Amino acid sequence: MSVIIILLGLSLCVSIGFLIAFIWSVKSGQLEDDYSPAHKIFFDDNQPGNVQ
């Protein structure tokens, strides 16, 4: 029974950590660019004949 309490506490700490990381990324502006992902398909940087 004590293992369940330990795992519950650990999962709560991990989920709070992910929530803090998400809030930090939103506040720092990492999710602000909503224009370029939709248009990246139009710009092909690979030239024909170049093998990567």
PDB file of N, CA and C in Angstrom:
ATOM      1  N   MET A   1       0.823  -1.198   0.000  1.00  0.00           N
ATOM      2  CA  MET A   1       0.000   0.000   0.000  1.00  0.00           C
ATOM      3  C   MET A   1       0.866   1.261   0.000  1.00  0.00           C
ATOM      4  N   SER A   2       2.001   1.186   0.678  1.00  0.00           N
ATOM      5  CA  SER A   2       2.865   2.367   0.726  1.00  0.00           C
ATOM      6  C   SER A   2       3.497   2.653  -0.639  1.00  0.00           C
ATOM      7  N   VAL A   3       3.647   1.626  -1.474  1.00  0.00           N
ATOM      8  CA  VAL A   3       4.208   1.839  -2.809  1.00  0.00           C
ATOM      9  C   VAL A   3       3.265   2.683  -3.650  1.00  0.00           C
ATOM     10  N   ILE A   4       1.979   2.485  -3.496  1.00  0.00           N
ATOM     11  CA  ILE A   4       0.987   3.266  -4.244  1.00  0.00           C
ATOM     12  C   ILE A   4       1.076   4.736  -3.852  1.00  0.00           C
ATOM     13  N   ILE A   5       1.259   5.016  -2.588  1.00  0.00           N
ATOM     14  CA  ILE A   5       1.363   6.402  -2.129  1.00  0.00           C
ATOM     15  C   ILE A   5       2.646   7.039  -2.669  1.00  0.00           C
ATOM     16  N   ILE A   6       3.731   6.277  -2.671  1.00  0.00           N
ATOM     17  CA  ILE A   6       4.988   6.805  -3.214  1.00  0.00           C
ATOM     18  C   ILE A   6       4.859   7.076  -4.708  1.00  0.00           C
ATOM     19  N   LEU A   7       4.268   6.151  -5.460  1.00  0.00           N
ATOM     20  CA  LEU A   7       4.098   6.351  -6.901  1.00  0.00           C
ATOM     21  C   LEU A   7       3.133   7.480  -7.208  1.00  0.00           C
ATOM     22  N   LEU A   8       2.115   7.635  -6.405  1.00  0.00           N
ATOM     23  CA  LEU A   8       1.171   8.741  -6.594  1.00  0.00           C
ATOM     24  C   LEU A   8       1.862  10.080  -6.360  1.00  0.00           C
ATOM     25  N   GLY A   9       2.669  10.165  -5.328  1.00  0.00           N
ATOM     26  CA  GLY A   9       3.416  11.394  -5.072  1.00  0.00           C
ATOM     27  C   GLY A   9       4.428  11.686  -6.160  1.00  0.00           C
ATOM     28  N   LEU A  10       5.108  10.646  -6.635  1.00  0.00           N
ATOM     29  CA  LEU A  10       6.083  10.822  -7.703  1.00  0.00           C
ATOM     30  C   LEU A  10       5.410  11.276  -9.006  1.00  0.00           C
ATOM     31  N   SER A  11       4.291  10.680  -9.341  1.00  0.00           N
ATOM     32  CA  SER A  11       3.595  11.081 -10.569  1.00  0.00           C
ATOM     33  C   SER A  11       3.038  12.493 -10.454  1.00  0.00           C
ATOM     34  N   LEU A  12       2.631  12.879  -9.270  1.00  0.00           N
ATOM     35  CA  LEU A  12       2.159  14.250  -9.060  1.00  0.00           C
ATOM     36  C   LEU A  12       3.297  15.238  -9.227  1.00  0.00           C
ATOM     37  N   CYS A  13       4.476  14.907  -8.715  1.00  0.00           N
ATOM     38  CA  CYS A  13       5.638  15.791  -8.885  1.00  0.00           C
ATOM     39  C   CYS A  13       6.040  15.915 -10.352  1.00  0.00           C
ATOM     40  N   VAL A  14       6.010  14.815 -11.074  1.00  0.00           N
ATOM     41  CA  VAL A  14       6.377  14.843 -12.495  1.00  0.00           C
ATOM     42  C   VAL A  14       5.365  15.661 -13.292  1.00  0.00           C
ATOM     43  N   SER A  15       4.088  15.481 -13.013  1.00  0.00           N
ATOM     44  CA  SER A  15       3.065  16.235 -13.754  1.00  0.00           C
ATOM     45  C   SER A  15       3.133  17.723 -13.436  1.00  0.00           C
ATOM     46  N   ILE A  16       3.436  18.073 -12.206  1.00  0.00           N
ATOM     47  CA  ILE A  16       3.596  19.489 -11.861  1.00  0.00           C
ATOM     48  C   ILE A  16       4.823  20.057 -12.566  1.00  0.00           C
ATOM     49  N   GLY A  17       5.876  19.258 -12.685  1.00  0.00           N
ATOM     50  CA  GLY A  17       7.060  19.701 -13.420  1.00  0.00           C
ATOM     51  C   GLY A  17       6.758  19.967 -14.888  1.00  0.00           C
ATOM     52  N   PHE A  18       5.996  19.086 -15.518  1.00  0.00           N
ATOM     53  CA  PHE A  18       5.606  19.317 -16.914  1.00  0.00           C
ATOM     54  C   PHE A  18       4.701  20.539 -17.056  1.00  0.00           C
ATOM     55  N   LEU A  19       3.832  20.769 -16.106  1.00  0.00           N
ATOM     56  CA  LEU A  19       2.969  21.950 -16.145  1.00  0.00           C
ATOM     57  C   LEU A  19       3.789  23.222 -16.007  1.00  0.00           C
ATOM     58  N   ILE A  20       4.769  23.222 -15.112  1.00  0.00           N
ATOM     59  CA  ILE A  20       5.632  24.392 -14.954  1.00  0.00           C
ATOM     60  C   ILE A  20       6.448  24.633 -16.224  1.00  0.00           C
ATOM     61  N   ALA A  21       6.961  23.578 -16.843  1.00  0.00           N
ATOM     62  CA  ALA A  21       7.726  23.727 -18.082  1.00  0.00           C
ATOM     63  C   ALA A  21       6.850  24.260 -19.216  1.00  0.00           C
ATOM     64  N   PHE A  22       5.599  23.815 -19.278  1.00  0.00           N
ATOM     65  CA  PHE A  22       4.694  24.309 -20.316  1.00  0.00           C
ATOM     66  C   PHE A  22       4.373  25.785 -20.108  1.00  0.00           C
ATOM     67  N   ILE A  23       4.083  26.162 -18.875  1.00  0.00           N
ATOM     68  CA  ILE A  23       3.770  27.572 -18.588  1.00  0.00           C
ATOM     69  C   ILE A  23       4.984  28.447 -18.874  1.00  0.00           C
ATOM     70  N   TRP A  24       6.183  27.961 -18.521  1.00  0.00           N
ATOM     71  CA  TRP A  24       7.401  28.721 -18.791  1.00  0.00           C
ATOM     72  C   TRP A  24       7.607  28.900 -20.296  1.00  0.00           C
ATOM     73  N   SER A  25       7.351  27.858 -21.086  1.00  0.00           N
ATOM     74  CA  SER A  25       7.550  27.971 -22.528  1.00  0.00           C
ATOM     75  C   SER A  25       6.538  28.904 -23.170  1.00  0.00           C
ATOM     76  N   VAL A  26       5.330  28.931 -22.660  1.00  0.00           N
ATOM     77  CA  VAL A  26       4.331  29.853 -23.193  1.00  0.00           C
ATOM     78  C   VAL A  26       4.699  31.290 -22.854  1.00  0.00           C
ATOM     79  N   LYS A  27       5.141  31.533 -21.627  1.00  0.00           N
ATOM     80  CA  LYS A  27       5.489  32.895 -21.215  1.00  0.00           C
ATOM     81  C   LYS A  27       6.761  33.392 -21.877  1.00  0.00           C
ATOM     82  N   SER A  28       7.667  32.487 -22.251  1.00  0.00           N
ATOM     83  CA  SER A  28       8.905  32.925 -22.887  1.00  0.00           C
ATOM     84  C   SER A  28       8.743  33.138 -24.386  1.00  0.00           C
ATOM     85  N   GLY A  29       7.579  32.805 -24.941  1.00  0.00           N
ATOM     86  CA  GLY A  29       7.303  33.096 -26.346  1.00  0.00           C
ATOM     87  C   GLY A  29       7.686  32.008 -27.314  1.00  0.00           C
ATOM     88  N   GLN A  30       7.875  30.800 -26.869  1.00  0.00           N
ATOM     89  CA  GLN A  30       8.267  29.732 -27.780  1.00  0.00           C
ATOM     90  C   GLN A  30       7.116  29.264 -28.654  1.00  0.00           C
ATOM     91  N   LEU A  31       5.898  29.553 -28.296  1.00  0.00           N
ATOM     92  CA  LEU A  31       4.744  29.091 -29.065  1.00  0.00           C
ATOM     93  C   LEU A  31       4.061  30.236 -29.820  1.00  0.00           C
ATOM     94  N   GLU A  32       4.786  31.313 -30.059  1.00  0.00           N
ATOM     95  CA  GLU A  32       4.202  32.490 -30.690  1.00  0.00           C
ATOM     96  C   GLU A  32       4.168  32.415 -32.212  1.00  0.00           C
ATOM     97  N   ASP A  33       5.010  31.599 -32.814  1.00  0.00           N
ATOM     98  CA  ASP A  33       5.121  31.574 -34.274  1.00  0.00           C
ATOM     99  C   ASP A  33       4.067  30.646 -34.861  1.00  0.00           C
ATOM    100  N   ASP A  34       2.956  31.221 -35.283  1.00  0.00           N
ATOM    101  CA  ASP A  34       1.908  30.397 -35.881  1.00  0.00           C
ATOM    102  C   ASP A  34       1.801  30.630 -37.389  1.00  0.00           C
ATOM    103  N   TYR A  35       2.700  31.433 -37.970  1.00  0.00           N
ATOM    104  CA  TYR A  35       2.657  31.700 -39.403  1.00  0.00           C
ATOM    105  C   TYR A  35       3.548  30.743 -40.186  1.00  0.00           C
ATOM    106  N   SER A  36       4.805  30.612 -39.765  1.00  0.00           N
ATOM    107  CA  SER A  36       5.759  29.878 -40.594  1.00  0.00           C
ATOM    108  C   SER A  36       5.542  28.362 -40.645  1.00  0.00           C
ATOM    109  N   PRO A  37       5.036  27.681 -39.611  1.00  0.00           N
ATOM    110  CA  PRO A  37       4.864  26.230 -39.771  1.00  0.00           C
ATOM    111  C   PRO A  37       3.902  25.855 -40.899  1.00  0.00           C
ATOM    112  N   ALA A  38       2.920  26.679 -41.151  1.00  0.00           N
ATOM    113  CA  ALA A  38       1.978  26.367 -42.218  1.00  0.00           C
ATOM    114  C   ALA A  38       2.583  26.597 -43.598  1.00  0.00           C
ATOM    115  N   HIS A  39       3.624  27.427 -43.682  1.00  0.00           N
ATOM    116  CA  HIS A  39       4.201  27.761 -44.982  1.00  0.00           C
ATOM    117  C   HIS A  39       5.556  27.121 -45.226  1.00  0.00           C
ATOM    118  N   LYS A  40       6.049  26.324 -44.301  1.00  0.00           N
ATOM    119  CA  LYS A  40       7.350  25.674 -44.500  1.00  0.00           C
ATOM    120  C   LYS A  40       7.311  24.667 -45.635  1.00  0.00           C
ATOM    121  N   ILE A  41       6.157  24.139 -45.950  1.00  0.00           N
ATOM    122  CA  ILE A  41       6.062  23.140 -47.010  1.00  0.00           C
ATOM    123  C   ILE A  41       6.345  23.758 -48.384  1.00  0.00           C
ATOM    124  N   PHE A  42       6.163  25.074 -48.515  1.00  0.00           N
ATOM    125  CA  PHE A  42       6.361  25.727 -49.803  1.00  0.00           C
ATOM    126  C   PHE A  42       7.839  25.980 -50.104  1.00  0.00           C
ATOM    127  N   PHE A  43       8.690  25.979 -49.084  1.00  0.00           N
ATOM    128  CA  PHE A  43      10.098  26.292 -49.258  1.00  0.00           C
ATOM    129  C   PHE A  43      10.913  25.011 -49.135  1.00  0.00           C
ATOM    130  N   ASP A  44      11.380  24.522 -50.265  1.00  0.00           N
ATOM    131  CA  ASP A  44      12.151  23.280 -50.293  1.00  0.00           C
ATOM    132  C   ASP A  44      13.630  23.628 -50.401  1.00  0.00           C
ATOM    133  N   ASP A  45      14.382  23.320 -49.348  1.00  0.00           N
ATOM    134  CA  ASP A  45      15.805  23.644 -49.344  1.00  0.00           C
ATOM    135  C   ASP A  45      16.647  22.611 -50.071  1.00  0.00           C
ATOM    136  N   ASN A  46      16.122  21.425 -50.276  1.00  0.00           N
ATOM    137  CA  ASN A  46      16.889  20.371 -50.937  1.00  0.00           C
ATOM    138  C   ASN A  46      16.838  20.550 -52.450  1.00  0.00           C
ATOM    139  N   GLN A  47      18.011  20.516 -53.059  1.00  0.00           N
ATOM    140  CA  GLN A  47      18.100  20.625 -54.515  1.00  0.00           C
ATOM    141  C   GLN A  47      17.998  19.221 -55.114  1.00  0.00           C
ATOM    142  N   PRO A  48      17.399  19.081 -56.293  1.00  0.00           N
ATOM    143  CA  PRO A  48      17.369  17.763 -56.931  1.00  0.00           C
ATOM    144  C   PRO A  48      18.781  17.286 -57.244  1.00  0.00           C
ATOM    145  N   GLY A  49      19.058  16.039 -56.952  1.00  0.00           N
ATOM    146  CA  GLY A  49      20.372  15.484 -57.201  1.00  0.00           C
ATOM    147  C   GLY A  49      21.252  15.457 -55.966  1.00  0.00           C
ATOM    148  N   ASN A  50      20.908  16.227 -54.946  1.00  0.00           N
ATOM    149  CA  ASN A  50      21.668  16.192 -53.693  1.00  0.00           C
ATOM    150  C   ASN A  50      21.194  15.015 -52.865  1.00  0.00           C
ATOM    151  N   VAL A  51      22.104  14.137 -52.538  1.00  0.00           N
ATOM    152  CA  VAL A  51      21.755  12.972 -51.746  1.00  0.00           C
ATOM    153  C   VAL A  51      22.254  13.226 -50.323  1.00  0.00           C
ATOM    154  N   GLN A  52      21.345  13.062 -49.386  1.00  0.00           N
ATOM    155  CA  GLN A  52      21.725  13.306 -47.991  1.00  0.00           C
ATOM    156  C   GLN A  52      21.670  12.051 -47.195  1.00  0.00           C
TER     157      GLN A  52
END
